Amino acid sequence: MEIATSHGPAEVVLDAPDRPSFLLVLTHGSNGGVDAADLLAVRAAALGLGGAVARVLQPFRKAGRRAPGSAVRQDEAWLEIVAVLRDRFGDLPLVQGGRSNGARVACRTARAAGAAGVVALAFPLHPPGRPEKSRAEELRSAGVPVLVVNGDRDPFGVPDPADAAEVRVLPGERHELAKDPDAVGTAVEPWLRRWAAGRPAGEVFAERT
């Protein structure tokens, strides 16, 4: 499906059972797409738990650009996309996430989107070789529980466990998380399971704070 935003159209690939228990909205990195191996692994885990999964190709990528541009514009478009999806699925618990730059968007917009949690794959803690340029505050200010899944060889760094609800570090993986995608799905599945039970988002958040 195509969703119009104030910054151009987005494209959404939607997989949904008849009566989903939660909605997971995922997106890509700066120069990626919705068929990245780690995103597909998380999609499979969520579908196995009865969730609906929307994989979002953001407007800048649909327009053929490799760089996302302004974070403000990217976040505005994301919130418009999520609003359309929430209208479609009602008051299901919303979990949003993505890989790399998409993980940053999911963290920055979590409060405004009304998300119950965030899945941050390959969160780019800092530019390669620039640890002083930390983006840890985006994790800390998400306002909802954040699960981080990073590789131990990621040149963008690995977030500190204190900066998220949970940090899973996969051995031998780099930023692409492509060596063993099944391990990514295995890392995320127990964390998503709490929403598969249909429990209130506020109850879940209270457990992690």
N, C-alpha and C. Protein backbone atom coordinates (compact mmCIF):
# COMPACT_ATOMS: atom_id res chain seq x y z
N MET A 1 0.85 -1.18 0.00
CA MET A 1 0.00 0.00 0.00
C MET A 1 0.89 1.24 0.00
N GLU A 2 0.37 2.32 -0.56
CA GLU A 2 1.08 3.59 -0.58
C GLU A 2 0.41 4.55 0.39
N ILE A 3 1.23 5.27 1.15
CA ILE A 3 0.71 6.24 2.11
C ILE A 3 1.31 7.59 1.79
N ALA A 4 0.46 8.59 1.59
CA ALA A 4 0.93 9.94 1.30
C ALA A 4 1.35 10.62 2.59
N THR A 5 2.48 11.31 2.56
CA THR A 5 2.92 12.12 3.68
C THR A 5 3.23 13.53 3.17
N SER A 6 3.46 14.44 4.09
CA SER A 6 3.79 15.81 3.70
C SER A 6 5.18 15.90 3.07
N HIS A 7 5.94 14.82 3.12
CA HIS A 7 7.28 14.80 2.53
C HIS A 7 7.40 13.75 1.43
N GLY A 8 6.28 13.42 0.82
CA GLY A 8 6.28 12.47 -0.27
C GLY A 8 5.66 11.14 0.12
N PRO A 9 5.35 10.30 -0.87
CA PRO A 9 4.69 9.03 -0.57
C PRO A 9 5.66 8.00 0.01
N ALA A 10 5.11 7.16 0.89
CA ALA A 10 5.82 6.01 1.44
C ALA A 10 5.14 4.75 0.92
N GLU A 11 5.88 3.67 0.93
CA GLU A 11 5.33 2.39 0.50
C GLU A 11 5.37 1.41 1.66
N VAL A 12 4.28 0.69 1.89
CA VAL A 12 4.18 -0.22 3.02
C VAL A 12 3.85 -1.62 2.54
N VAL A 13 4.65 -2.58 2.98
CA VAL A 13 4.36 -3.99 2.75
C VAL A 13 3.74 -4.53 4.03
N LEU A 14 2.52 -5.00 3.93
CA LEU A 14 1.75 -5.36 5.11
C LEU A 14 1.44 -6.85 5.13
N ASP A 15 1.74 -7.48 6.27
CA ASP A 15 1.36 -8.87 6.53
C ASP A 15 0.52 -8.88 7.80
N ALA A 16 -0.69 -9.41 7.72
CA ALA A 16 -1.55 -9.36 8.90
C ALA A 16 -2.47 -10.57 8.97
N PRO A 17 -2.52 -11.23 10.13
CA PRO A 17 -3.53 -12.27 10.33
C PRO A 17 -4.91 -11.64 10.48
N ASP A 18 -5.92 -12.46 10.54
CA ASP A 18 -7.29 -11.94 10.64
C ASP A 18 -7.51 -11.15 11.92
N ARG A 19 -6.95 -11.64 13.03
CA ARG A 19 -7.15 -10.96 14.32
C ARG A 19 -5.78 -10.80 15.00
N PRO A 20 -4.99 -9.83 14.56
CA PRO A 20 -3.65 -9.67 15.13
C PRO A 20 -3.69 -9.24 16.59
N SER A 21 -2.66 -9.63 17.32
CA SER A 21 -2.59 -9.26 18.74
C SER A 21 -1.79 -7.99 18.97
N PHE A 22 -0.95 -7.61 18.02
CA PHE A 22 -0.20 -6.36 18.11
C PHE A 22 0.21 -5.94 16.70
N LEU A 23 0.66 -4.70 16.59
CA LEU A 23 1.13 -4.17 15.32
C LEU A 23 2.60 -3.82 15.44
N LEU A 24 3.42 -4.40 14.56
CA LEU A 24 4.84 -4.09 14.51
C LEU A 24 5.12 -3.34 13.21
N VAL A 25 5.67 -2.13 13.33
CA VAL A 25 5.99 -1.31 12.17
C VAL A 25 7.51 -1.19 12.10
N LEU A 26 8.09 -1.66 11.00
CA LEU A 26 9.54 -1.72 10.83
C LEU A 26 9.99 -0.87 9.65
N THR A 27 11.22 -0.37 9.72
CA THR A 27 11.76 0.36 8.59
C THR A 27 13.26 0.11 8.44
N HIS A 28 13.82 0.60 7.38
CA HIS A 28 15.16 0.28 6.91
C HIS A 28 16.19 1.29 7.38
N GLY A 29 17.44 1.06 6.96
CA GLY A 29 18.52 2.00 7.21
C GLY A 29 18.60 3.05 6.11
N SER A 30 19.63 3.89 6.19
CA SER A 30 19.75 5.02 5.28
C SER A 30 19.79 4.61 3.81
N ASN A 31 20.50 3.55 3.52
CA ASN A 31 20.68 3.15 2.13
C ASN A 31 20.15 1.75 1.89
N GLY A 32 19.11 1.37 2.65
CA GLY A 32 18.60 0.01 2.57
C GLY A 32 17.16 -0.06 2.12
N GLY A 33 16.60 -1.23 2.29
CA GLY A 33 15.21 -1.46 1.92
C GLY A 33 14.54 -2.38 2.92
N VAL A 34 13.28 -2.68 2.67
CA VAL A 34 12.49 -3.44 3.64
C VAL A 34 12.72 -4.94 3.55
N ASP A 35 13.58 -5.38 2.62
CA ASP A 35 13.89 -6.79 2.52
C ASP A 35 15.24 -7.15 3.12
N ALA A 36 15.78 -6.28 3.97
CA ALA A 36 17.02 -6.59 4.68
C ALA A 36 16.81 -7.86 5.50
N ALA A 37 17.86 -8.68 5.59
CA ALA A 37 17.74 -9.99 6.22
C ALA A 37 17.28 -9.91 7.67
N ASP A 38 17.78 -8.94 8.42
CA ASP A 38 17.39 -8.85 9.83
C ASP A 38 15.94 -8.41 9.98
N LEU A 39 15.48 -7.50 9.10
CA LEU A 39 14.07 -7.09 9.16
C LEU A 39 13.15 -8.27 8.84
N LEU A 40 13.53 -9.07 7.87
CA LEU A 40 12.71 -10.24 7.52
C LEU A 40 12.68 -11.25 8.66
N ALA A 41 13.79 -11.38 9.38
CA ALA A 41 13.82 -12.31 10.51
C ALA A 41 12.89 -11.84 11.63
N VAL A 42 12.88 -10.54 11.88
CA VAL A 42 11.98 -10.00 12.92
C VAL A 42 10.53 -10.11 12.46
N ARG A 43 10.30 -9.86 11.19
CA ARG A 43 8.95 -10.04 10.63
C ARG A 43 8.45 -11.46 10.87
N ALA A 44 9.29 -12.44 10.58
CA ALA A 44 8.89 -13.83 10.77
C ALA A 44 8.58 -14.13 12.24
N ALA A 45 9.39 -13.59 13.14
CA ALA A 45 9.14 -13.81 14.57
C ALA A 45 7.80 -13.22 14.99
N ALA A 46 7.52 -12.00 14.52
CA ALA A 46 6.26 -11.35 14.89
C ALA A 46 5.05 -12.07 14.32
N LEU A 47 5.15 -12.50 13.06
CA LEU A 47 4.03 -13.23 12.46
C LEU A 47 3.79 -14.54 13.19
N GLY A 48 4.87 -15.18 13.65
CA GLY A 48 4.72 -16.41 14.39
C GLY A 48 4.02 -16.24 15.73
N LEU A 49 4.01 -15.01 16.22
CA LEU A 49 3.33 -14.69 17.48
C LEU A 49 1.93 -14.11 17.25
N GLY A 50 1.51 -14.05 16.01
CA GLY A 50 0.18 -13.52 15.71
C GLY A 50 0.11 -12.03 15.54
N GLY A 51 1.25 -11.39 15.35
CA GLY A 51 1.25 -9.94 15.15
C GLY A 51 1.05 -9.57 13.69
N ALA A 52 0.64 -8.35 13.47
CA ALA A 52 0.62 -7.77 12.13
C ALA A 52 1.93 -7.02 11.94
N VAL A 53 2.49 -7.10 10.74
CA VAL A 53 3.79 -6.47 10.48
C VAL A 53 3.68 -5.57 9.25
N ALA A 54 4.06 -4.31 9.43
CA ALA A 54 4.13 -3.35 8.33
C ALA A 54 5.58 -2.96 8.14
N ARG A 55 6.11 -3.22 6.93
CA ARG A 55 7.49 -2.82 6.60
C ARG A 55 7.41 -1.57 5.72
N VAL A 56 8.00 -0.50 6.21
CA VAL A 56 7.81 0.82 5.62
C VAL A 56 9.05 1.24 4.82
N LEU A 57 8.83 1.50 3.52
CA LEU A 57 9.84 2.16 2.69
C LEU A 57 9.57 3.66 2.80
N GLN A 58 10.46 4.37 3.48
CA GLN A 58 10.22 5.77 3.76
C GLN A 58 10.27 6.62 2.49
N PRO A 59 9.69 7.82 2.55
CA PRO A 59 9.61 8.66 1.35
C PRO A 59 10.94 8.93 0.66
N PHE A 60 12.01 9.14 1.43
CA PHE A 60 13.28 9.46 0.79
C PHE A 60 13.82 8.29 -0.02
N ARG A 61 13.57 7.06 0.44
CA ARG A 61 14.03 5.90 -0.31
C ARG A 61 13.12 5.62 -1.50
N LYS A 62 11.83 5.81 -1.32
CA LYS A 62 10.91 5.62 -2.44
C LYS A 62 11.21 6.60 -3.56
N ALA A 63 11.72 7.78 -3.19
CA ALA A 63 12.10 8.78 -4.19
C ALA A 63 13.48 8.51 -4.79
N GLY A 64 14.15 7.46 -4.31
CA GLY A 64 15.44 7.09 -4.87
C GLY A 64 16.64 7.73 -4.22
N ARG A 65 16.42 8.43 -3.10
CA ARG A 65 17.55 9.07 -2.42
C ARG A 65 18.23 8.10 -1.47
N ARG A 66 19.54 8.27 -1.31
CA ARG A 66 20.31 7.40 -0.44
C ARG A 66 20.44 7.95 0.97
N ALA A 67 20.27 9.24 1.15
CA ALA A 67 20.41 9.86 2.46
C ALA A 67 19.04 10.35 2.94
N PRO A 68 18.76 10.20 4.23
CA PRO A 68 17.43 10.57 4.74
C PRO A 68 17.16 12.05 4.83
N GLY A 69 18.21 12.86 4.87
CA GLY A 69 17.99 14.30 4.99
C GLY A 69 17.65 14.69 6.42
N SER A 70 16.88 15.74 6.56
CA SER A 70 16.55 16.29 7.87
C SER A 70 15.85 15.26 8.76
N ALA A 71 16.35 15.14 10.00
CA ALA A 71 15.71 14.24 10.95
C ALA A 71 14.29 14.70 11.27
N VAL A 72 14.09 16.00 11.30
CA VAL A 72 12.75 16.54 11.60
C VAL A 72 11.76 16.10 10.52
N ARG A 73 12.14 16.25 9.26
CA ARG A 73 11.26 15.86 8.16
C ARG A 73 11.04 14.34 8.15
N GLN A 74 12.08 13.60 8.42
CA GLN A 74 11.94 12.15 8.45
C GLN A 74 10.99 11.72 9.55
N ASP A 75 11.12 12.32 10.73
CA ASP A 75 10.25 11.96 11.85
C ASP A 75 8.81 12.38 11.58
N GLU A 76 8.62 13.53 10.98
CA GLU A 76 7.26 13.98 10.64
C GLU A 76 6.59 12.99 9.70
N ALA A 77 7.30 12.57 8.68
CA ALA A 77 6.73 11.62 7.73
C ALA A 77 6.43 10.29 8.42
N TRP A 78 7.33 9.86 9.28
CA TRP A 78 7.12 8.59 9.99
C TRP A 78 5.84 8.63 10.83
N LEU A 79 5.63 9.71 11.55
CA LEU A 79 4.45 9.80 12.40
C LEU A 79 3.17 9.82 11.57
N GLU A 80 3.22 10.42 10.40
CA GLU A 80 2.05 10.40 9.52
C GLU A 80 1.76 8.98 9.03
N ILE A 81 2.81 8.24 8.70
CA ILE A 81 2.66 6.85 8.26
C ILE A 81 2.07 6.00 9.38
N VAL A 82 2.62 6.13 10.56
CA VAL A 82 2.15 5.34 11.70
C VAL A 82 0.69 5.67 12.03
N ALA A 83 0.32 6.94 11.91
CA ALA A 83 -1.06 7.34 12.19
C ALA A 83 -2.04 6.63 11.26
N VAL A 84 -1.69 6.51 9.99
CA VAL A 84 -2.55 5.81 9.04
C VAL A 84 -2.68 4.33 9.42
N LEU A 85 -1.57 3.72 9.78
CA LEU A 85 -1.59 2.31 10.15
C LEU A 85 -2.38 2.09 11.44
N ARG A 86 -2.25 2.99 12.37
CA ARG A 86 -3.01 2.85 13.63
C ARG A 86 -4.51 3.01 13.38
N ASP A 87 -4.87 3.89 12.48
CA ASP A 87 -6.29 4.02 12.13
C ASP A 87 -6.82 2.70 11.57
N ARG A 88 -5.99 2.01 10.82
CA ARG A 88 -6.42 0.75 10.21
C ARG A 88 -6.56 -0.36 11.25
N PHE A 89 -5.65 -0.38 12.24
CA PHE A 89 -5.62 -1.50 13.18
C PHE A 89 -6.22 -1.17 14.54
N GLY A 90 -6.71 0.02 14.73
CA GLY A 90 -7.36 0.35 15.99
C GLY A 90 -6.38 0.48 17.13
N ASP A 91 -6.79 0.03 18.31
CA ASP A 91 -5.98 0.27 19.50
C ASP A 91 -5.07 -0.91 19.85
N LEU A 92 -4.66 -1.68 18.86
CA LEU A 92 -3.68 -2.73 19.13
C LEU A 92 -2.40 -2.12 19.69
N PRO A 93 -1.70 -2.85 20.57
CA PRO A 93 -0.38 -2.37 21.01
C PRO A 93 0.53 -2.16 19.79
N LEU A 94 1.18 -1.02 19.76
CA LEU A 94 2.09 -0.68 18.67
C LEU A 94 3.53 -0.84 19.12
N VAL A 95 4.28 -1.62 18.37
CA VAL A 95 5.73 -1.71 18.56
C VAL A 95 6.35 -1.22 17.26
N GLN A 96 7.29 -0.30 17.36
CA GLN A 96 7.91 0.19 16.13
C GLN A 96 9.41 -0.04 16.21
N GLY A 97 10.02 -0.14 15.04
CA GLY A 97 11.46 -0.42 15.04
C GLY A 97 12.04 -0.31 13.66
N GLY A 98 13.32 -0.64 13.59
CA GLY A 98 14.02 -0.59 12.33
C GLY A 98 15.47 -0.90 12.54
N ARG A 99 16.21 -0.86 11.45
CA ARG A 99 17.64 -1.09 11.54
C ARG A 99 18.41 0.20 11.28
N SER A 100 19.51 0.40 12.00
CA SER A 100 20.42 1.53 11.81
C SER A 100 19.67 2.86 11.89
N ASN A 101 19.67 3.66 10.82
CA ASN A 101 18.95 4.93 10.86
C ASN A 101 17.47 4.74 11.19
N GLY A 102 16.90 3.65 10.73
CA GLY A 102 15.50 3.38 11.05
C GLY A 102 15.27 3.15 12.53
N ALA A 103 16.26 2.58 13.21
CA ALA A 103 16.17 2.40 14.66
C ALA A 103 16.18 3.76 15.36
N ARG A 104 16.96 4.68 14.83
CA ARG A 104 16.99 6.02 15.42
C ARG A 104 15.63 6.71 15.27
N VAL A 105 15.03 6.59 14.11
CA VAL A 105 13.70 7.18 13.89
C VAL A 105 12.70 6.59 14.87
N ALA A 106 12.73 5.27 15.02
CA ALA A 106 11.78 4.61 15.91
C ALA A 106 11.93 5.08 17.35
N CYS A 107 13.17 5.30 17.78
CA CYS A 107 13.40 5.80 19.14
C CYS A 107 12.94 7.24 19.30
N ARG A 108 13.29 8.08 18.33
CA ARG A 108 12.96 9.51 18.44
C ARG A 108 11.46 9.76 18.44
N THR A 109 10.70 8.92 17.77
CA THR A 109 9.27 9.17 17.60
C THR A 109 8.39 8.31 18.50
N ALA A 110 8.98 7.48 19.34
CA ALA A 110 8.20 6.50 20.09
C ALA A 110 7.11 7.14 20.95
N ARG A 111 7.46 8.19 21.67
CA ARG A 111 6.47 8.84 22.53
C ARG A 111 5.32 9.41 21.71
N ALA A 112 5.67 10.16 20.67
CA ALA A 112 4.63 10.81 19.86
C ALA A 112 3.75 9.81 19.14
N ALA A 113 4.32 8.67 18.78
CA ALA A 113 3.54 7.65 18.08
C ALA A 113 2.65 6.84 19.02
N GLY A 114 2.89 6.94 20.31
CA GLY A 114 2.14 6.14 21.26
C GLY A 114 2.57 4.69 21.27
N ALA A 115 3.85 4.45 20.95
CA ALA A 115 4.35 3.08 20.89
C ALA A 115 4.47 2.48 22.28
N ALA A 116 4.33 1.16 22.34
CA ALA A 116 4.53 0.43 23.59
C ALA A 116 5.98 0.00 23.75
N GLY A 117 6.70 -0.08 22.64
CA GLY A 117 8.10 -0.49 22.70
C GLY A 117 8.78 -0.26 21.37
N VAL A 118 10.11 -0.39 21.37
CA VAL A 118 10.91 -0.19 20.17
C VAL A 118 11.89 -1.35 20.01
N VAL A 119 12.02 -1.82 18.78
CA VAL A 119 13.05 -2.80 18.42
C VAL A 119 14.11 -2.05 17.61
N ALA A 120 15.31 -1.94 18.17
CA ALA A 120 16.39 -1.19 17.54
C ALA A 120 17.46 -2.17 17.06
N LEU A 121 17.50 -2.42 15.76
CA LEU A 121 18.47 -3.33 15.18
C LEU A 121 19.68 -2.54 14.67
N ALA A 122 20.88 -2.99 15.03
CA ALA A 122 22.11 -2.33 14.59
C ALA A 122 22.06 -0.83 14.88
N PHE A 123 21.66 -0.48 16.11
CA PHE A 123 21.59 0.94 16.46
C PHE A 123 22.97 1.56 16.28
N PRO A 124 23.08 2.63 15.46
CA PRO A 124 24.38 3.24 15.17
C PRO A 124 24.79 4.21 16.29
N LEU A 125 25.42 3.67 17.31
CA LEU A 125 25.72 4.46 18.51
C LEU A 125 26.53 5.71 18.18
N HIS A 126 27.45 5.59 17.24
CA HIS A 126 28.26 6.74 16.83
C HIS A 126 28.77 6.48 15.42
N PRO A 127 29.18 7.52 14.69
CA PRO A 127 29.82 7.28 13.39
C PRO A 127 31.08 6.45 13.58
N PRO A 128 31.45 5.62 12.62
CA PRO A 128 32.66 4.81 12.76
C PRO A 128 33.88 5.65 13.09
N GLY A 129 34.59 5.25 14.14
CA GLY A 129 35.79 5.96 14.55
C GLY A 129 35.55 7.26 15.28
N ARG A 130 34.28 7.57 15.61
CA ARG A 130 33.95 8.85 16.28
C ARG A 130 33.13 8.59 17.54
N PRO A 131 33.67 7.87 18.52
CA PRO A 131 32.88 7.54 19.72
C PRO A 131 32.41 8.75 20.50
N GLU A 132 33.07 9.89 20.30
CA GLU A 132 32.65 11.10 21.01
C GLU A 132 31.33 11.64 20.49
N LYS A 133 30.89 11.18 19.32
CA LYS A 133 29.63 11.63 18.73
C LYS A 133 28.50 10.64 19.08
N SER A 134 28.33 10.37 20.35
CA SER A 134 27.38 9.35 20.79
C SER A 134 25.93 9.78 20.56
N ARG A 135 25.12 8.80 20.15
CA ARG A 135 23.68 9.01 19.98
C ARG A 135 22.90 8.28 21.07
N ALA A 136 23.55 7.96 22.16
CA ALA A 136 22.90 7.20 23.23
C ALA A 136 21.67 7.91 23.78
N GLU A 137 21.65 9.23 23.71
CA GLU A 137 20.51 9.97 24.25
C GLU A 137 19.23 9.61 23.51
N GLU A 138 19.31 9.26 22.23
CA GLU A 138 18.11 8.85 21.50
C GLU A 138 17.51 7.59 22.10
N LEU A 139 18.36 6.68 22.57
CA LEU A 139 17.86 5.49 23.25
C LEU A 139 17.26 5.85 24.60
N ARG A 140 17.99 6.66 25.36
CA ARG A 140 17.55 6.99 26.72
C ARG A 140 16.27 7.80 26.74
N SER A 141 16.02 8.59 25.69
CA SER A 141 14.85 9.48 25.68
C SER A 141 13.66 8.89 24.93
N ALA A 142 13.72 7.62 24.55
CA ALA A 142 12.61 7.02 23.80
C ALA A 142 11.31 7.03 24.60
N GLY A 143 11.41 6.90 25.92
CA GLY A 143 10.21 6.95 26.75
C GLY A 143 9.45 5.66 26.85
N VAL A 144 9.89 4.63 26.15
CA VAL A 144 9.28 3.30 26.18
C VAL A 144 10.42 2.28 26.22
N PRO A 145 10.14 1.02 26.56
CA PRO A 145 11.21 0.02 26.57
C PRO A 145 11.80 -0.16 25.17
N VAL A 146 13.13 -0.19 25.11
CA VAL A 146 13.83 -0.39 23.84
C VAL A 146 14.67 -1.66 23.92
N LEU A 147 14.47 -2.55 22.96
CA LEU A 147 15.34 -3.71 22.79
C LEU A 147 16.36 -3.39 21.70
N VAL A 148 17.64 -3.48 22.03
CA VAL A 148 18.71 -3.26 21.07
C VAL A 148 19.32 -4.61 20.70
N VAL A 149 19.50 -4.83 19.40
CA VAL A 149 20.21 -6.02 18.92
C VAL A 149 21.34 -5.53 18.02
N ASN A 150 22.57 -5.69 18.46
CA ASN A 150 23.74 -5.25 17.71
C ASN A 150 24.75 -6.39 17.59
N GLY A 151 25.62 -6.29 16.62
CA GLY A 151 26.72 -7.22 16.49
C GLY A 151 27.93 -6.76 17.26
N ASP A 152 28.73 -7.69 17.76
CA ASP A 152 29.88 -7.30 18.56
C ASP A 152 31.01 -6.72 17.71
N ARG A 153 30.90 -6.81 16.40
CA ARG A 153 31.91 -6.25 15.50
C ARG A 153 31.39 -5.03 14.73
N ASP A 154 30.34 -4.43 15.23
CA ASP A 154 29.74 -3.28 14.55
C ASP A 154 30.65 -2.06 14.66
N PRO A 155 31.12 -1.49 13.53
CA PRO A 155 31.99 -0.32 13.61
C PRO A 155 31.27 0.93 14.11
N PHE A 156 29.94 0.88 14.16
CA PHE A 156 29.17 2.01 14.70
C PHE A 156 29.03 1.91 16.22
N GLY A 157 29.61 0.88 16.82
CA GLY A 157 29.58 0.74 18.27
C GLY A 157 28.41 -0.07 18.78
N VAL A 158 28.47 -0.40 20.06
CA VAL A 158 27.44 -1.18 20.73
C VAL A 158 26.93 -0.39 21.92
N PRO A 159 25.63 -0.12 22.01
CA PRO A 159 25.10 0.64 23.14
C PRO A 159 25.37 -0.04 24.48
N ASP A 160 25.46 0.78 25.50
CA ASP A 160 25.64 0.29 26.87
C ASP A 160 24.32 -0.30 27.35
N PRO A 161 24.35 -1.40 28.10
CA PRO A 161 23.10 -1.99 28.63
C PRO A 161 22.27 -1.01 29.45
N ALA A 162 22.92 -0.03 30.05
CA ALA A 162 22.17 0.93 30.86
C ALA A 162 21.33 1.89 30.04
N ASP A 163 21.55 1.94 28.73
CA ASP A 163 20.86 2.91 27.88
C ASP A 163 19.60 2.36 27.23
N ALA A 164 19.24 1.12 27.50
CA ALA A 164 18.03 0.52 26.92
C ALA A 164 17.47 -0.50 27.90
N ALA A 165 16.24 -0.92 27.65
CA ALA A 165 15.64 -1.95 28.51
C ALA A 165 16.42 -3.25 28.42
N GLU A 166 16.90 -3.56 27.21
CA GLU A 166 17.67 -4.78 27.00
C GLU A 166 18.59 -4.58 25.80
N VAL A 167 19.83 -5.05 25.91
CA VAL A 167 20.79 -5.00 24.82
C VAL A 167 21.28 -6.42 24.57
N ARG A 168 21.03 -6.91 23.37
CA ARG A 168 21.50 -8.23 22.96
C ARG A 168 22.63 -8.06 21.96
N VAL A 169 23.78 -8.65 22.25
CA VAL A 169 24.96 -8.53 21.39
C VAL A 169 25.23 -9.87 20.74
N LEU A 170 25.21 -9.90 19.43
CA LEU A 170 25.38 -11.15 18.69
C LEU A 170 26.84 -11.30 18.24
N PRO A 171 27.47 -12.39 18.64
CA PRO A 171 28.88 -12.58 18.31
C PRO A 171 29.11 -12.77 16.82
N GLY A 172 30.18 -12.17 16.34
CA GLY A 172 30.57 -12.33 14.94
C GLY A 172 29.82 -11.46 13.95
N GLU A 173 28.83 -10.71 14.42
CA GLU A 173 28.02 -9.89 13.51
C GLU A 173 28.57 -8.48 13.41
N ARG A 174 28.47 -7.93 12.19
CA ARG A 174 28.81 -6.54 11.95
C ARG A 174 27.52 -5.71 11.85
N HIS A 175 27.59 -4.56 11.24
CA HIS A 175 26.44 -3.66 11.21
C HIS A 175 25.27 -4.24 10.41
N GLU A 176 25.56 -5.10 9.44
CA GLU A 176 24.51 -5.62 8.57
C GLU A 176 23.63 -6.66 9.25
N LEU A 177 24.11 -7.28 10.32
CA LEU A 177 23.39 -8.36 11.01
C LEU A 177 22.91 -9.41 10.00
N ALA A 178 23.78 -9.74 9.06
CA ALA A 178 23.40 -10.63 7.96
C ALA A 178 24.07 -11.99 8.03
N LYS A 179 25.00 -12.18 8.96
CA LYS A 179 25.71 -13.45 9.04
C LYS A 179 24.77 -14.58 9.45
N ASP A 180 23.93 -14.30 10.45
CA ASP A 180 22.97 -15.30 10.94
C ASP A 180 21.66 -14.60 11.28
N PRO A 181 20.84 -14.28 10.26
CA PRO A 181 19.59 -13.56 10.52
C PRO A 181 18.66 -14.29 11.48
N ASP A 182 18.69 -15.62 11.47
CA ASP A 182 17.82 -16.35 12.38
C ASP A 182 18.12 -16.00 13.84
N ALA A 183 19.38 -15.70 14.13
CA ALA A 183 19.75 -15.32 15.50
C ALA A 183 19.11 -13.99 15.88
N VAL A 184 18.91 -13.12 14.91
CA VAL A 184 18.23 -11.85 15.18
C VAL A 184 16.78 -12.12 15.56
N GLY A 185 16.10 -12.96 14.78
CA GLY A 185 14.73 -13.31 15.11
C GLY A 185 14.61 -13.97 16.46
N THR A 186 15.56 -14.84 16.78
CA THR A 186 15.56 -15.53 18.08
C THR A 186 15.75 -14.54 19.22
N ALA A 187 16.57 -13.50 19.01
CA ALA A 187 16.80 -12.49 20.04
C ALA A 187 15.57 -11.63 20.29
N VAL A 188 14.80 -11.38 19.24
CA VAL A 188 13.66 -10.47 19.35
C VAL A 188 12.39 -11.19 19.81
N GLU A 189 12.23 -12.46 19.46
CA GLU A 189 10.97 -13.17 19.69
C GLU A 189 10.50 -13.16 21.16
N PRO A 190 11.36 -13.45 22.14
CA PRO A 190 10.86 -13.42 23.53
C PRO A 190 10.40 -12.05 23.97
N TRP A 191 11.02 -11.03 23.43
CA TRP A 191 10.68 -9.66 23.81
C TRP A 191 9.33 -9.26 23.22
N LEU A 192 9.04 -9.71 21.99
CA LEU A 192 7.74 -9.42 21.37
C LEU A 192 6.62 -10.22 22.01
N ARG A 193 6.95 -11.32 22.61
CA ARG A 193 5.93 -12.24 23.12
C ARG A 193 5.01 -11.58 24.13
N ARG A 194 5.52 -10.60 24.88
CA ARG A 194 4.69 -9.94 25.90
C ARG A 194 3.47 -9.27 25.28
N TRP A 195 3.60 -8.76 24.05
CA TRP A 195 2.46 -8.12 23.40
C TRP A 195 1.57 -9.14 22.70
N ALA A 196 2.10 -10.30 22.42
CA ALA A 196 1.29 -11.35 21.80
C ALA A 196 0.19 -11.82 22.73
N ALA A 197 0.42 -11.64 24.03
CA ALA A 197 -0.58 -12.07 25.01
C ALA A 197 -1.72 -11.07 25.15
N GLY A 198 -1.61 -9.94 24.45
CA GLY A 198 -2.68 -8.95 24.48
C GLY A 198 -2.75 -8.15 25.76
N ARG A 199 -1.63 -8.05 26.49
CA ARG A 199 -1.62 -7.30 27.74
C ARG A 199 -1.54 -5.81 27.46
N PRO A 200 -2.08 -4.97 28.34
CA PRO A 200 -2.05 -3.53 28.11
C PRO A 200 -0.63 -3.01 28.02
N ALA A 201 -0.42 -2.07 27.10
CA ALA A 201 0.91 -1.50 26.91
C ALA A 201 1.43 -0.85 28.19
N GLY A 202 0.56 -0.17 28.93
CA GLY A 202 0.98 0.50 30.16
C GLY A 202 1.48 -0.48 31.19
N GLU A 203 0.86 -1.66 31.25
CA GLU A 203 1.29 -2.70 32.19
C GLU A 203 2.68 -3.19 31.84
N VAL A 204 2.92 -3.36 30.54
CA VAL A 204 4.23 -3.84 30.10
C VAL A 204 5.29 -2.82 30.43
N PHE A 205 5.03 -1.55 30.13
CA PHE A 205 6.01 -0.50 30.38
C PHE A 205 6.33 -0.41 31.87
N ALA A 206 5.32 -0.58 32.73
CA ALA A 206 5.53 -0.48 34.16
C ALA A 206 6.51 -1.53 34.66
N GLU A 207 6.51 -2.69 34.02
CA GLU A 207 7.42 -3.75 34.42
C GLU A 207 8.87 -3.41 34.14
N ARG A 208 9.12 -2.53 33.16
CA ARG A 208 10.48 -2.26 32.73
C ARG A 208 11.02 -0.97 33.31
N THR A 209 10.26 -0.29 34.14
CA THR A 209 10.71 1.00 34.68
C THR A 209 10.83 0.93 36.20
